[in-house]
Amino acid sequence: MSDQDAELLEMVKALTDKVTAMEVEIKQLRLLNADVPEETMVAIAAAVAAYLGHRAKRRVAHFTTSAIWQSGTRRRQHAHEPLHLRKA
C-alpha cells in the first residue's frame, strides 16, 4: 500500500473509534436520563427558550360574545375559508 492509503486507513480507524466512543456515551446518557418525567423536560426546555429570548405564544380559542356571531360565522362558511385561522 502507498503512504496515502495507509494514512487514509489510519484516519478511518480513528473515526471509527470516535464514533464507537460516542455511541457508548449516548447509551450511558440515555440510561441516566431515563427516569426524568416529561413535565420536567418541558419545563427545562421552556426555561432555556425563555433565557435565549424566545417569547412563547399562548394558543387558545377565542370566542366572540356579540349577538351577531352567527351571521359572521355563516358568512365565513359561505366564503369557503377556514374558520379559526388568525390573520397575521
C-alpha atoms as a PDB file:
ATOM      1  CA  MET A   1       0.000   0.000   0.000  1.00  0.00           C
ATOM      2  CA  SER A   2       1.050   3.502  -0.607  1.00  0.00           C
ATOM      3  CA  ASP A   3       1.621   6.043   2.132  1.00  0.00           C
ATOM      4  CA  GLN A   4      -1.605   7.851   1.253  1.00  0.00           C
ATOM      5  CA  ASP A   5      -3.666   4.650   1.527  1.00  0.00           C
ATOM      6  CA  ALA A   6      -2.112   3.835   4.886  1.00  0.00           C
ATOM      7  CA  GLU A   7      -2.828   7.356   6.117  1.00  0.00           C
ATOM      8  CA  LEU A   8      -6.460   7.145   4.978  1.00  0.00           C
ATOM      9  CA  LEU A   9      -6.855   3.748   6.625  1.00  0.00           C
ATOM     10  CA  GLU A  10      -5.484   5.133   9.878  1.00  0.00           C
ATOM     11  CA  MET A  11      -7.899   8.083   9.692  1.00  0.00           C
ATOM     12  CA  VAL A  12     -10.846   5.744   9.099  1.00  0.00           C
ATOM     13  CA  LYS A  13      -9.818   3.638  12.102  1.00  0.00           C
ATOM     14  CA  ALA A  14      -9.557   6.757  14.271  1.00  0.00           C
ATOM     15  CA  LEU A  15     -13.008   7.967  13.159  1.00  0.00           C
ATOM     16  CA  THR A  16     -14.491   4.528  13.794  1.00  0.00           C
ATOM     17  CA  ASP A  17     -13.071   4.557  17.318  1.00  0.00           C
ATOM     18  CA  LYS A  18     -14.503   8.044  17.934  1.00  0.00           C
ATOM     19  CA  VAL A  19     -17.954   7.004  16.684  1.00  0.00           C
ATOM     20  CA  THR A  20     -17.885   3.905  18.893  1.00  0.00           C
ATOM     21  CA  ALA A  21     -16.930   6.007  21.910  1.00  0.00           C
ATOM     22  CA  MET A  22     -19.744   8.475  21.168  1.00  0.00           C
ATOM     23  CA  GLU A  23     -22.280   5.667  20.815  1.00  0.00           C
ATOM     24  CA  VAL A  24     -21.262   4.286  24.207  1.00  0.00           C
ATOM     25  CA  GLU A  25     -21.548   7.753  25.746  1.00  0.00           C
ATOM     26  CA  ILE A  26     -25.001   8.278  24.210  1.00  0.00           C
ATOM     27  CA  LYS A  27     -26.189   4.955  25.623  1.00  0.00           C
ATOM     28  CA  GLN A  28     -24.924   5.961  29.078  1.00  0.00           C
ATOM     29  CA  LEU A  29     -26.704   9.317  28.846  1.00  0.00           C
ATOM     30  CA  ARG A  30     -29.948   7.617  27.843  1.00  0.00           C
ATOM     31  CA  LEU A  31     -29.695   5.363  30.884  1.00  0.00           C
ATOM     32  CA  LEU A  32     -29.052   8.330  33.174  1.00  0.00           C
ATOM     33  CA  ASN A  33     -31.955  10.397  31.788  1.00  0.00           C
ATOM     34  CA  ALA A  34     -34.463   7.568  31.515  1.00  0.00           C
ATOM     35  CA  ASP A  35     -36.287   8.496  34.728  1.00  0.00           C
ATOM     36  CA  VAL A  36     -36.846  12.220  34.044  1.00  0.00           C
ATOM     37  CA  PRO A  37     -40.582  12.981  33.715  1.00  0.00           C
ATOM     38  CA  GLU A  38     -41.833  14.672  30.571  1.00  0.00           C
ATOM     39  CA  GLU A  39     -43.184  17.642  32.546  1.00  0.00           C
ATOM     40  CA  THR A  40     -39.698  18.324  33.896  1.00  0.00           C
ATOM     41  CA  MET A  41     -38.187  18.160  30.409  1.00  0.00           C
ATOM     42  CA  VAL A  42     -40.824  20.587  29.100  1.00  0.00           C
ATOM     43  CA  ALA A  43     -40.174  22.978  31.985  1.00  0.00           C
ATOM     44  CA  ILE A  44     -36.422  22.871  31.365  1.00  0.00           C
ATOM     45  CA  ALA A  45     -36.912  23.415  27.635  1.00  0.00           C
ATOM     46  CA  ALA A  46     -39.222  26.380  28.315  1.00  0.00           C
ATOM     47  CA  ALA A  47     -36.725  27.908  30.741  1.00  0.00           C
ATOM     48  CA  VAL A  48     -33.879  27.564  28.242  1.00  0.00           C
ATOM     49  CA  ALA A  49     -36.016  29.036  25.464  1.00  0.00           C
ATOM     50  CA  ALA A  50     -37.004  31.969  27.685  1.00  0.00           C
ATOM     51  CA  TYR A  51     -33.386  32.536  28.655  1.00  0.00           C
ATOM     52  CA  LEU A  52     -32.433  32.628  24.982  1.00  0.00           C
ATOM     53  CA  GLY A  53     -35.130  35.216  24.314  1.00  0.00           C
ATOM     54  CA  HIS A  54     -37.926  33.198  22.721  1.00  0.00           C
ATOM     55  CA  ARG A  55     -41.331  34.516  23.702  1.00  0.00           C
ATOM     56  CA  ALA A  56     -43.949  31.783  23.954  1.00  0.00           C
ATOM     57  CA  LYS A  57     -47.307  32.352  22.319  1.00  0.00           C
ATOM     58  CA  ARG A  58     -50.467  31.246  24.037  1.00  0.00           C
ATOM     59  CA  ARG A  59     -52.719  29.348  21.703  1.00  0.00           C
ATOM     60  CA  VAL A  60     -56.287  29.429  22.940  1.00  0.00           C
ATOM     61  CA  ALA A  61     -59.652  29.553  21.257  1.00  0.00           C
ATOM     62  CA  HIS A  62     -61.181  32.997  21.017  1.00  0.00           C
ATOM     63  CA  PHE A  63     -64.943  33.166  21.260  1.00  0.00           C
ATOM     64  CA  THR A  64     -66.888  36.284  20.483  1.00  0.00           C
ATOM     65  CA  THR A  65     -69.608  37.488  22.801  1.00  0.00           C
ATOM     66  CA  SER A  66     -71.516  39.626  20.340  1.00  0.00           C
ATOM     67  CA  ALA A  67     -75.078  38.883  19.276  1.00  0.00           C
ATOM     68  CA  ILE A  68     -74.191  38.717  15.584  1.00  0.00           C
ATOM     69  CA  TRP A  69     -71.680  35.877  15.823  1.00  0.00           C
ATOM     70  CA  GLN A  70     -73.986  33.527  13.901  1.00  0.00           C
ATOM     71  CA  SER A  71     -74.190  35.746  10.858  1.00  0.00           C
ATOM     72  CA  GLY A  72     -70.445  36.301  10.895  1.00  0.00           C
ATOM     73  CA  THR A  73     -69.801  32.579  11.100  1.00  0.00           C
ATOM     74  CA  ARG A  74     -72.316  31.872   8.337  1.00  0.00           C
ATOM     75  CA  ARG A  75     -70.678  34.500   6.135  1.00  0.00           C
ATOM     76  CA  ARG A  76     -67.263  32.931   6.691  1.00  0.00           C
ATOM     77  CA  GLN A  77     -68.566  29.469   5.887  1.00  0.00           C
ATOM     78  CA  HIS A  78     -70.055  30.680   2.624  1.00  0.00           C
ATOM     79  CA  ALA A  79     -66.718  32.261   1.736  1.00  0.00           C
ATOM     80  CA  HIS A  80     -65.128  28.756   1.954  1.00  0.00           C
ATOM     81  CA  GLU A  81     -62.275  29.961   4.137  1.00  0.00           C
ATOM     82  CA  PRO A  82     -61.041  28.193   7.265  1.00  0.00           C
ATOM     83  CA  LEU A  83     -62.909  29.415  10.330  1.00  0.00           C
ATOM     84  CA  HIS A  84     -60.328  29.632  13.070  1.00  0.00           C
ATOM     85  CA  LEU A  85     -57.179  30.918  11.478  1.00  0.00           C
ATOM     86  CA  ARG A  86     -55.743  34.130  12.770  1.00  0.00           C
ATOM     87  CA  LYS A  87     -54.633  36.685  10.257  1.00  0.00           C
ATOM     88  CA  ALA A  88     -51.054  37.793  10.700  1.00  0.00           C
END
